[in-house]
Amino acid sequence: MSSGPDLSLVCKSCGAEVSPYITECPYCGARVQKRAPKLDRGGVPRPPKKGRSRPQLPRLRPGEIPGIRADRRPWATCLIVLGSLAVTVGIKSGLLDLANFIYGPGFDEPWRAVTSLFAYTHTAYEIAVVGAVALFGWLLERRHGAWAPILVFFLAGAGGAYVDVAVANDGLVLGANGAALGMLAAWAMRDVLGRRAGREDESDLLGVLAIAALLVLLPLASDEAGGIAGLVGGLIGIVLGLGLARLPER
């Protein structure tokens, strides 16, 4: 360990002996040297600080914003919505026959329980139902994948329509109000179970309840909407939602 130099500098102004590590005399203030030498602390130099390692991010996809995760496109939900709109346009333009989509008493073809889900004649009814299908189908698809909205849509929609016509003999059924209620219930069950278990989330269940009430009351505004089809579709959605709540999110 090296020792520093002795107090050997002499101030030319006052003649006092001063430290070689200063530039001005502490007694008279006169400058004794232009630059003071660096202090020799005799210790081991500190290693250079390591910079924080930045995580290696994947390359941005087309249209993706940095810092925001891009979800996959809900292609299954889009196909369901576009199918409904295409059938509506075909019926109104005369390219498709509405009689091929109606499901009601006297129709022995079970496949009509599926085709009736895509047919509408009342615009307001279609906007309410297709809007709910688009919203909760997208949420289900983002959570579980494309198979989830397809499964819930057809099981809840066709199951509700079949019970309404073949079991309850309620009347003609058009549209997917049962499927919409089923998708709403299937998505909401995980958050309902989480709230009961004390888990916090950011879901607006009051808004979901308001949409559910609108869908349940649709038969009062449109003869196409089957009341029993909607209730049965919602019950099917609850059962499916209990199973989906146990599955991990993608």
C-alpha atoms as a PDB file:
ATOM      1  CA  MET A   1       0.000   0.000   0.000  1.00  0.00           C
ATOM      2  CA  SER A   2       1.631   3.243  -1.157  1.00  0.00           C
ATOM      3  CA  SER A   3       1.840   6.252   1.113  1.00  0.00           C
ATOM      4  CA  GLY A   4       1.052   9.762  -0.047  1.00  0.00           C
ATOM      5  CA  PRO A   5       3.677  12.478  -0.365  1.00  0.00           C
ATOM      6  CA  ASP A   6       4.714  14.527   2.687  1.00  0.00           C
ATOM      7  CA  LEU A   7       3.641  18.087   3.409  1.00  0.00           C
ATOM      8  CA  SER A   8       6.438  19.517   1.325  1.00  0.00           C
ATOM      9  CA  LEU A   9       4.899  22.391  -0.617  1.00  0.00           C
ATOM     10  CA  VAL A  10       5.751  25.907   0.579  1.00  0.00           C
ATOM     11  CA  CYS A  11       3.475  28.843  -0.144  1.00  0.00           C
ATOM     12  CA  LYS A  12       5.475  31.514  -1.956  1.00  0.00           C
ATOM     13  CA  SER A  13       3.240  34.216  -0.575  1.00  0.00           C
ATOM     14  CA  CYS A  14       3.280  33.541   3.158  1.00  0.00           C
ATOM     15  CA  GLY A  15       5.983  30.855   3.421  1.00  0.00           C
ATOM     16  CA  ALA A  16       3.704  28.340   5.147  1.00  0.00           C
ATOM     17  CA  GLU A  17       4.123  24.630   4.532  1.00  0.00           C
ATOM     18  CA  VAL A  18       0.952  23.214   2.975  1.00  0.00           C
ATOM     19  CA  SER A  19      -0.386  19.907   1.654  1.00  0.00           C
ATOM     20  CA  PRO A  20       0.496  18.939  -1.889  1.00  0.00           C
ATOM     21  CA  TYR A  21      -3.154  17.947  -2.484  1.00  0.00           C
ATOM     22  CA  ILE A  22      -4.473  21.518  -2.515  1.00  0.00           C
ATOM     23  CA  THR A  23      -4.212  24.283  -5.064  1.00  0.00           C
ATOM     24  CA  GLU A  24      -4.665  27.323  -2.766  1.00  0.00           C
ATOM     25  CA  CYS A  25      -2.962  28.172   0.506  1.00  0.00           C
ATOM     26  CA  PRO A  26      -5.389  27.813   3.425  1.00  0.00           C
ATOM     27  CA  TYR A  27      -3.601  30.639   5.294  1.00  0.00           C
ATOM     28  CA  CYS A  28      -3.377  33.443   2.764  1.00  0.00           C
ATOM     29  CA  GLY A  29      -5.440  32.172  -0.160  1.00  0.00           C
ATOM     30  CA  ALA A  30      -2.644  32.389  -2.704  1.00  0.00           C
ATOM     31  CA  ARG A  31      -2.463  29.744  -5.452  1.00  0.00           C
ATOM     32  CA  VAL A  32       0.333  27.261  -4.790  1.00  0.00           C
ATOM     33  CA  GLN A  33      -0.121  24.993  -7.863  1.00  0.00           C
ATOM     34  CA  LYS A  34      -2.349  24.784 -10.944  1.00  0.00           C
ATOM     35  CA  ARG A  35      -3.715  21.258 -10.409  1.00  0.00           C
ATOM     36  CA  ALA A  36      -3.781  18.976  -7.383  1.00  0.00           C
ATOM     37  CA  PRO A  37      -2.788  15.329  -7.805  1.00  0.00           C
ATOM     38  CA  LYS A  38      -5.431  12.586  -7.397  1.00  0.00           C
ATOM     39  CA  LEU A  39      -5.679  11.000  -3.999  1.00  0.00           C
ATOM     40  CA  ASP A  40      -4.212   7.539  -3.737  1.00  0.00           C
ATOM     41  CA  ARG A  41      -6.677   5.646  -1.546  1.00  0.00           C
ATOM     42  CA  GLY A  42      -4.748   2.437  -1.851  1.00  0.00           C
ATOM     43  CA  GLY A  43      -7.881   0.311  -2.164  1.00  0.00           C
ATOM     44  CA  VAL A  44      -9.035  -2.106  -4.750  1.00  0.00           C
ATOM     45  CA  PRO A  45     -10.919  -0.387  -7.548  1.00  0.00           C
ATOM     46  CA  ARG A  46     -14.597  -1.168  -7.724  1.00  0.00           C
ATOM     47  CA  PRO A  47     -15.671  -3.319 -10.603  1.00  0.00           C
ATOM     48  CA  PRO A  48     -17.696  -1.512 -13.237  1.00  0.00           C
ATOM     49  CA  LYS A  49     -21.439  -1.594 -12.682  1.00  0.00           C
ATOM     50  CA  LYS A  50     -23.227  -4.107 -14.761  1.00  0.00           C
ATOM     51  CA  GLY A  51     -26.093  -2.739 -16.771  1.00  0.00           C
ATOM     52  CA  ARG A  52     -29.499  -4.247 -16.294  1.00  0.00           C
ATOM     53  CA  SER A  53     -30.126  -7.027 -18.702  1.00  0.00           C
ATOM     54  CA  ARG A  54     -33.105  -6.155 -20.855  1.00  0.00           C
ATOM     55  CA  PRO A  55     -35.518  -8.933 -21.711  1.00  0.00           C
ATOM     56  CA  GLN A  56     -35.363 -10.113 -25.264  1.00  0.00           C
ATOM     57  CA  LEU A  57     -38.717  -9.223 -26.800  1.00  0.00           C
ATOM     58  CA  PRO A  58     -40.018 -10.960 -29.896  1.00  0.00           C
ATOM     59  CA  ARG A  59     -40.284  -9.062 -33.131  1.00  0.00           C
ATOM     60  CA  LEU A  60     -43.382  -6.932 -33.479  1.00  0.00           C
ATOM     61  CA  ARG A  61     -46.179  -8.336 -35.568  1.00  0.00           C
ATOM     62  CA  PRO A  62     -47.692  -6.234 -38.349  1.00  0.00           C
ATOM     63  CA  GLY A  63     -49.912  -3.596 -36.755  1.00  0.00           C
ATOM     64  CA  GLU A  64     -48.702  -4.343 -33.197  1.00  0.00           C
ATOM     65  CA  ILE A  65     -47.897  -1.398 -30.918  1.00  0.00           C
ATOM     66  CA  PRO A  66     -44.694  -1.652 -28.797  1.00  0.00           C
ATOM     67  CA  GLY A  67     -45.530  -2.390 -25.164  1.00  0.00           C
ATOM     68  CA  ILE A  68     -49.041  -3.670 -25.910  1.00  0.00           C
ATOM     69  CA  ARG A  69     -49.682  -7.379 -26.339  1.00  0.00           C
ATOM     70  CA  ALA A  70     -51.559  -8.112 -29.518  1.00  0.00           C
ATOM     71  CA  ASP A  71     -54.319 -10.663 -29.037  1.00  0.00           C
ATOM     72  CA  ARG A  72     -55.126 -13.099 -31.768  1.00  0.00           C
ATOM     73  CA  ARG A  73     -57.934 -12.146 -34.037  1.00  0.00           C
ATOM     74  CA  PRO A  74     -61.261 -13.679 -32.970  1.00  0.00           C
ATOM     75  CA  TRP A  75     -61.808 -15.385 -36.293  1.00  0.00           C
ATOM     76  CA  ALA A  76     -64.414 -17.853 -34.965  1.00  0.00           C
ATOM     77  CA  THR A  77     -66.578 -15.069 -33.554  1.00  0.00           C
ATOM     78  CA  CYS A  78     -66.161 -13.073 -36.751  1.00  0.00           C
ATOM     79  CA  LEU A  79     -67.378 -16.044 -38.807  1.00  0.00           C
ATOM     80  CA  ILE A  80     -70.494 -16.385 -36.636  1.00  0.00           C
ATOM     81  CA  VAL A  81     -71.289 -12.676 -36.912  1.00  0.00           C
ATOM     82  CA  LEU A  82     -70.578 -12.518 -40.636  1.00  0.00           C
ATOM     83  CA  GLY A  83     -72.712 -15.614 -41.168  1.00  0.00           C
ATOM     84  CA  SER A  84     -75.683 -13.928 -39.510  1.00  0.00           C
ATOM     85  CA  LEU A  85     -75.209 -10.742 -41.534  1.00  0.00           C
ATOM     86  CA  ALA A  86     -74.801 -12.668 -44.790  1.00  0.00           C
ATOM     87  CA  VAL A  87     -78.013 -14.645 -44.233  1.00  0.00           C
ATOM     88  CA  THR A  88     -79.889 -11.440 -43.372  1.00  0.00           C
ATOM     89  CA  VAL A  89     -78.678  -9.734 -46.540  1.00  0.00           C
ATOM     90  CA  GLY A  90     -79.565 -12.835 -48.574  1.00  0.00           C
ATOM     91  CA  ILE A  91     -83.094 -12.971 -47.169  1.00  0.00           C
ATOM     92  CA  LYS A  92     -83.778  -9.257 -47.648  1.00  0.00           C
ATOM     93  CA  SER A  93     -82.381  -9.325 -51.195  1.00  0.00           C
ATOM     94  CA  GLY A  94     -84.389 -12.407 -52.157  1.00  0.00           C
ATOM     95  CA  LEU A  95     -81.356 -14.622 -52.753  1.00  0.00           C
ATOM     96  CA  LEU A  96     -82.289 -16.851 -49.792  1.00  0.00           C
ATOM     97  CA  ASP A  97     -85.695 -18.195 -48.852  1.00  0.00           C
ATOM     98  CA  LEU A  98     -86.697 -17.396 -45.258  1.00  0.00           C
ATOM     99  CA  ALA A  99     -88.773 -20.592 -45.136  1.00  0.00           C
ATOM    100  CA  ASN A 100     -85.558 -22.625 -45.162  1.00  0.00           C
ATOM    101  CA  PHE A 101     -84.450 -21.050 -41.878  1.00  0.00           C
ATOM    102  CA  ILE A 102     -87.680 -20.931 -39.857  1.00  0.00           C
ATOM    103  CA  TYR A 103     -87.967 -23.443 -37.037  1.00  0.00           C
ATOM    104  CA  GLY A 104     -91.287 -24.104 -35.342  1.00  0.00           C
ATOM    105  CA  PRO A 105     -94.050 -26.634 -34.683  1.00  0.00           C
ATOM    106  CA  GLY A 106     -94.702 -28.855 -37.677  1.00  0.00           C
ATOM    107  CA  PHE A 107     -91.096 -28.782 -38.900  1.00  0.00           C
ATOM    108  CA  ASP A 108     -89.596 -32.238 -38.484  1.00  0.00           C
ATOM    109  CA  GLU A 109     -86.110 -31.290 -39.689  1.00  0.00           C
ATOM    110  CA  PRO A 110     -83.859 -31.024 -36.584  1.00  0.00           C
ATOM    111  CA  TRP A 111     -81.215 -29.142 -38.565  1.00  0.00           C
ATOM    112  CA  ARG A 112     -83.515 -26.104 -38.548  1.00  0.00           C
ATOM    113  CA  ALA A 113     -82.555 -25.602 -34.882  1.00  0.00           C
ATOM    114  CA  VAL A 114     -79.113 -24.659 -36.237  1.00  0.00           C
ATOM    115  CA  THR A 115     -80.052 -22.712 -39.365  1.00  0.00           C
ATOM    116  CA  SER A 116     -82.611 -20.628 -37.459  1.00  0.00           C
ATOM    117  CA  LEU A 117     -79.759 -19.141 -35.418  1.00  0.00           C
ATOM    118  CA  PHE A 118     -78.585 -17.092 -38.425  1.00  0.00           C
ATOM    119  CA  ALA A 119     -81.922 -15.749 -39.668  1.00  0.00           C
ATOM    120  CA  TYR A 120     -83.553 -12.442 -38.643  1.00  0.00           C
ATOM    121  CA  THR A 121     -86.258 -10.188 -40.025  1.00  0.00           C
ATOM    122  CA  HIS A 122     -86.372  -7.531 -37.253  1.00  0.00           C
ATOM    123  CA  THR A 123     -83.350  -5.239 -37.400  1.00  0.00           C
ATOM    124  CA  ALA A 124     -83.424  -4.115 -33.757  1.00  0.00           C
ATOM    125  CA  TYR A 125     -83.656  -7.707 -32.560  1.00  0.00           C
ATOM    126  CA  GLU A 126     -80.706  -8.680 -34.730  1.00  0.00           C
ATOM    127  CA  ILE A 127     -78.575  -5.767 -33.542  1.00  0.00           C
ATOM    128  CA  ALA A 128     -79.133  -6.674 -29.879  1.00  0.00           C
ATOM    129  CA  VAL A 129     -78.461 -10.387 -30.318  1.00  0.00           C
ATOM    130  CA  VAL A 130     -75.572 -10.216 -32.795  1.00  0.00           C
ATOM    131  CA  GLY A 131     -73.956  -7.463 -30.724  1.00  0.00           C
ATOM    132  CA  ALA A 132     -74.068  -9.656 -27.607  1.00  0.00           C
ATOM    133  CA  VAL A 133     -72.751 -12.644 -29.562  1.00  0.00           C
ATOM    134  CA  ALA A 134     -69.877 -10.550 -30.916  1.00  0.00           C
ATOM    135  CA  LEU A 135     -68.945  -9.180 -27.478  1.00  0.00           C
ATOM    136  CA  PHE A 136     -69.078 -12.358 -25.412  1.00  0.00           C
ATOM    137  CA  GLY A 137     -67.866 -14.545 -28.242  1.00  0.00           C
ATOM    138  CA  TRP A 138     -64.762 -12.369 -28.499  1.00  0.00           C
ATOM    139  CA  LEU A 139     -64.243 -12.541 -24.728  1.00  0.00           C
ATOM    140  CA  LEU A 140     -64.607 -16.329 -24.721  1.00  0.00           C
ATOM    141  CA  GLU A 141     -62.279 -16.709 -27.679  1.00  0.00           C
ATOM    142  CA  ARG A 142     -59.645 -14.474 -26.110  1.00  0.00           C
ATOM    143  CA  ARG A 143     -59.809 -16.511 -22.904  1.00  0.00           C
ATOM    144  CA  HIS A 144     -59.991 -20.077 -24.222  1.00  0.00           C
ATOM    145  CA  GLY A 145     -59.505 -20.105 -27.982  1.00  0.00           C
ATOM    146  CA  ALA A 146     -61.654 -20.374 -31.099  1.00  0.00           C
ATOM    147  CA  TRP A 147     -63.360 -23.623 -30.093  1.00  0.00           C
ATOM    148  CA  ALA A 148     -65.083 -22.084 -27.039  1.00  0.00           C
ATOM    149  CA  PRO A 149     -67.443 -19.591 -28.757  1.00  0.00           C
ATOM    150  CA  ILE A 150     -68.306 -22.114 -31.469  1.00  0.00           C
ATOM    151  CA  LEU A 151     -69.165 -24.789 -28.899  1.00  0.00           C
ATOM    152  CA  VAL A 152     -71.262 -22.496 -26.717  1.00  0.00           C
ATOM    153  CA  PHE A 153     -73.010 -20.810 -29.646  1.00  0.00           C
ATOM    154  CA  PHE A 154     -74.299 -24.004 -31.228  1.00  0.00           C
ATOM    155  CA  LEU A 155     -75.027 -25.980 -28.055  1.00  0.00           C
ATOM    156  CA  ALA A 156     -76.818 -23.130 -26.280  1.00  0.00           C
ATOM    157  CA  GLY A 157     -78.488 -21.749 -29.400  1.00  0.00           C
ATOM    158  CA  ALA A 158     -79.628 -24.991 -31.002  1.00  0.00           C
ATOM    159  CA  GLY A 159     -80.421 -26.596 -27.646  1.00  0.00           C
ATOM    160  CA  GLY A 160     -82.596 -23.684 -26.612  1.00  0.00           C
ATOM    161  CA  ALA A 161     -84.391 -23.574 -29.965  1.00  0.00           C
ATOM    162  CA  TYR A 162     -85.055 -27.325 -29.900  1.00  0.00           C
ATOM    163  CA  VAL A 163     -86.528 -27.256 -26.386  1.00  0.00           C
ATOM    164  CA  ASP A 164     -88.628 -24.210 -27.294  1.00  0.00           C
ATOM    165  CA  VAL A 165     -90.151 -25.862 -30.390  1.00  0.00           C
ATOM    166  CA  ALA A 166     -90.030 -29.636 -29.879  1.00  0.00           C
ATOM    167  CA  VAL A 167     -90.651 -29.776 -26.129  1.00  0.00           C
ATOM    168  CA  ALA A 168     -92.533 -26.625 -25.146  1.00  0.00           C
ATOM    169  CA  ASN A 169     -94.225 -26.177 -28.538  1.00  0.00           C
ATOM    170  CA  ASP A 170     -93.948 -22.424 -27.950  1.00  0.00           C
ATOM    171  CA  GLY A 171     -94.011 -21.178 -31.530  1.00  0.00           C
ATOM    172  CA  LEU A 172     -91.730 -20.117 -34.363  1.00  0.00           C
ATOM    173  CA  VAL A 173     -88.115 -19.364 -33.464  1.00  0.00           C
ATOM    174  CA  LEU A 174     -85.656 -17.185 -35.356  1.00  0.00           C
ATOM    175  CA  GLY A 175     -82.373 -15.678 -34.235  1.00  0.00           C
ATOM    176  CA  ALA A 176     -79.811 -16.611 -31.626  1.00  0.00           C
ATOM    177  CA  ASN A 177     -81.057 -15.045 -28.417  1.00  0.00           C
ATOM    178  CA  GLY A 178     -80.511 -18.388 -26.662  1.00  0.00           C
ATOM    179  CA  ALA A 179     -76.963 -18.550 -28.010  1.00  0.00           C
ATOM    180  CA  ALA A 180     -76.297 -14.974 -26.912  1.00  0.00           C
ATOM    181  CA  LEU A 181     -77.491 -15.665 -23.362  1.00  0.00           C
ATOM    182  CA  GLY A 182     -75.493 -18.892 -23.335  1.00  0.00           C
ATOM    183  CA  MET A 183     -72.267 -17.133 -24.364  1.00  0.00           C
ATOM    184  CA  LEU A 184     -72.875 -14.402 -21.794  1.00  0.00           C
ATOM    185  CA  ALA A 185     -73.420 -16.946 -19.016  1.00  0.00           C
ATOM    186  CA  ALA A 186     -70.481 -19.125 -20.064  1.00  0.00           C
ATOM    187  CA  TRP A 187     -68.110 -16.172 -19.949  1.00  0.00           C
ATOM    188  CA  ALA A 188     -69.455 -14.706 -16.707  1.00  0.00           C
ATOM    189  CA  MET A 189     -69.377 -17.919 -14.643  1.00  0.00           C
ATOM    190  CA  ARG A 190     -65.632 -17.779 -14.004  1.00  0.00           C
ATOM    191  CA  ASP A 191     -65.868 -14.273 -12.575  1.00  0.00           C
ATOM    192  CA  VAL A 192     -68.996 -15.120 -10.577  1.00  0.00           C
ATOM    193  CA  LEU A 193     -67.215 -18.084  -8.992  1.00  0.00           C
ATOM    194  CA  GLY A 194     -64.153 -15.898  -8.391  1.00  0.00           C
ATOM    195  CA  ARG A 195     -66.213 -13.257  -6.592  1.00  0.00           C
ATOM    196  CA  ARG A 196     -67.750 -15.917  -4.362  1.00  0.00           C
ATOM    197  CA  ALA A 197     -64.248 -17.167  -3.530  1.00  0.00           C
ATOM    198  CA  GLY A 198     -63.088 -13.641  -2.649  1.00  0.00           C
ATOM    199  CA  ARG A 199     -60.955 -13.055  -5.749  1.00  0.00           C
ATOM    200  CA  GLU A 200     -60.959  -9.539  -7.165  1.00  0.00           C
ATOM    201  CA  ASP A 201     -61.191  -8.856 -10.887  1.00  0.00           C
ATOM    202  CA  GLU A 202     -61.969  -5.963 -13.212  1.00  0.00           C
ATOM    203  CA  SER A 203     -65.123  -7.419 -14.748  1.00  0.00           C
ATOM    204  CA  ASP A 204     -68.222  -5.239 -14.802  1.00  0.00           C
ATOM    205  CA  LEU A 205     -70.789  -7.821 -13.774  1.00  0.00           C
ATOM    206  CA  LEU A 206     -73.467  -5.144 -13.381  1.00  0.00           C
ATOM    207  CA  GLY A 207     -73.103  -4.316 -17.065  1.00  0.00           C
ATOM    208  CA  VAL A 208     -73.256  -8.029 -17.890  1.00  0.00           C
ATOM    209  CA  LEU A 209     -76.440  -8.323 -15.827  1.00  0.00           C
ATOM    210  CA  ALA A 210     -78.010  -5.413 -17.731  1.00  0.00           C
ATOM    211  CA  ILE A 211     -77.244  -7.062 -21.082  1.00  0.00           C
ATOM    212  CA  ALA A 212     -78.649 -10.362 -19.796  1.00  0.00           C
ATOM    213  CA  ALA A 213     -81.874  -8.618 -18.737  1.00  0.00           C
ATOM    214  CA  LEU A 214     -82.180  -7.067 -22.214  1.00  0.00           C
ATOM    215  CA  LEU A 215     -81.784 -10.458 -23.893  1.00  0.00           C
ATOM    216  CA  VAL A 216     -84.302 -12.113 -21.575  1.00  0.00           C
ATOM    217  CA  LEU A 217     -86.874  -9.396 -22.311  1.00  0.00           C
ATOM    218  CA  LEU A 218     -86.417  -9.524 -26.112  1.00  0.00           C
ATOM    219  CA  PRO A 219     -89.441 -11.842 -26.647  1.00  0.00           C
ATOM    220  CA  LEU A 220     -91.636  -8.991 -25.419  1.00  0.00           C
ATOM    221  CA  ALA A 221     -90.408  -6.804 -28.279  1.00  0.00           C
ATOM    222  CA  SER A 222     -90.062  -9.338 -31.098  1.00  0.00           C
ATOM    223  CA  ASP A 223     -92.128 -12.411 -32.013  1.00  0.00           C
ATOM    224  CA  GLU A 224     -89.013 -14.012 -33.498  1.00  0.00           C
ATOM    225  CA  ALA A 225     -87.262 -14.359 -30.130  1.00  0.00           C
ATOM    226  CA  GLY A 226     -88.245 -17.493 -28.235  1.00  0.00           C
ATOM    227  CA  GLY A 227     -88.548 -16.876 -24.510  1.00  0.00           C
ATOM    228  CA  ILE A 228     -87.950 -20.494 -23.579  1.00  0.00           C
ATOM    229  CA  ALA A 229     -85.111 -20.703 -26.115  1.00  0.00           C
ATOM    230  CA  GLY A 230     -83.365 -17.824 -24.357  1.00  0.00           C
ATOM    231  CA  LEU A 231     -83.790 -19.244 -20.850  1.00  0.00           C
ATOM    232  CA  VAL A 232     -82.695 -22.738 -21.866  1.00  0.00           C
ATOM    233  CA  GLY A 233     -79.728 -21.314 -23.765  1.00  0.00           C
ATOM    234  CA  GLY A 234     -78.716 -19.374 -20.678  1.00  0.00           C
ATOM    235  CA  LEU A 235     -78.923 -22.507 -18.520  1.00  0.00           C
ATOM    236  CA  ILE A 236     -76.797 -24.428 -21.014  1.00  0.00           C
ATOM    237  CA  GLY A 237     -74.292 -21.556 -20.928  1.00  0.00           C
ATOM    238  CA  ILE A 238     -74.123 -21.736 -17.128  1.00  0.00           C
ATOM    239  CA  VAL A 239     -73.350 -25.466 -17.256  1.00  0.00           C
ATOM    240  CA  LEU A 240     -70.695 -24.966 -19.945  1.00  0.00           C
ATOM    241  CA  GLY A 241     -69.286 -21.991 -18.041  1.00  0.00           C
ATOM    242  CA  LEU A 242     -68.777 -24.139 -14.925  1.00  0.00           C
ATOM    243  CA  GLY A 243     -66.636 -26.458 -17.006  1.00  0.00           C
ATOM    244  CA  LEU A 244     -64.766 -23.666 -18.773  1.00  0.00           C
ATOM    245  CA  ALA A 245     -63.969 -22.012 -15.436  1.00  0.00           C
ATOM    246  CA  ARG A 246     -61.832 -25.047 -14.533  1.00  0.00           C
ATOM    247  CA  LEU A 247     -59.749 -24.800 -17.683  1.00  0.00           C
ATOM    248  CA  PRO A 248     -56.565 -22.703 -17.825  1.00  0.00           C
ATOM    249  CA  GLU A 249     -56.640 -19.583 -19.929  1.00  0.00           C
ATOM    250  CA  ARG A 250     -54.599 -19.600 -23.068  1.00  0.00           C
END
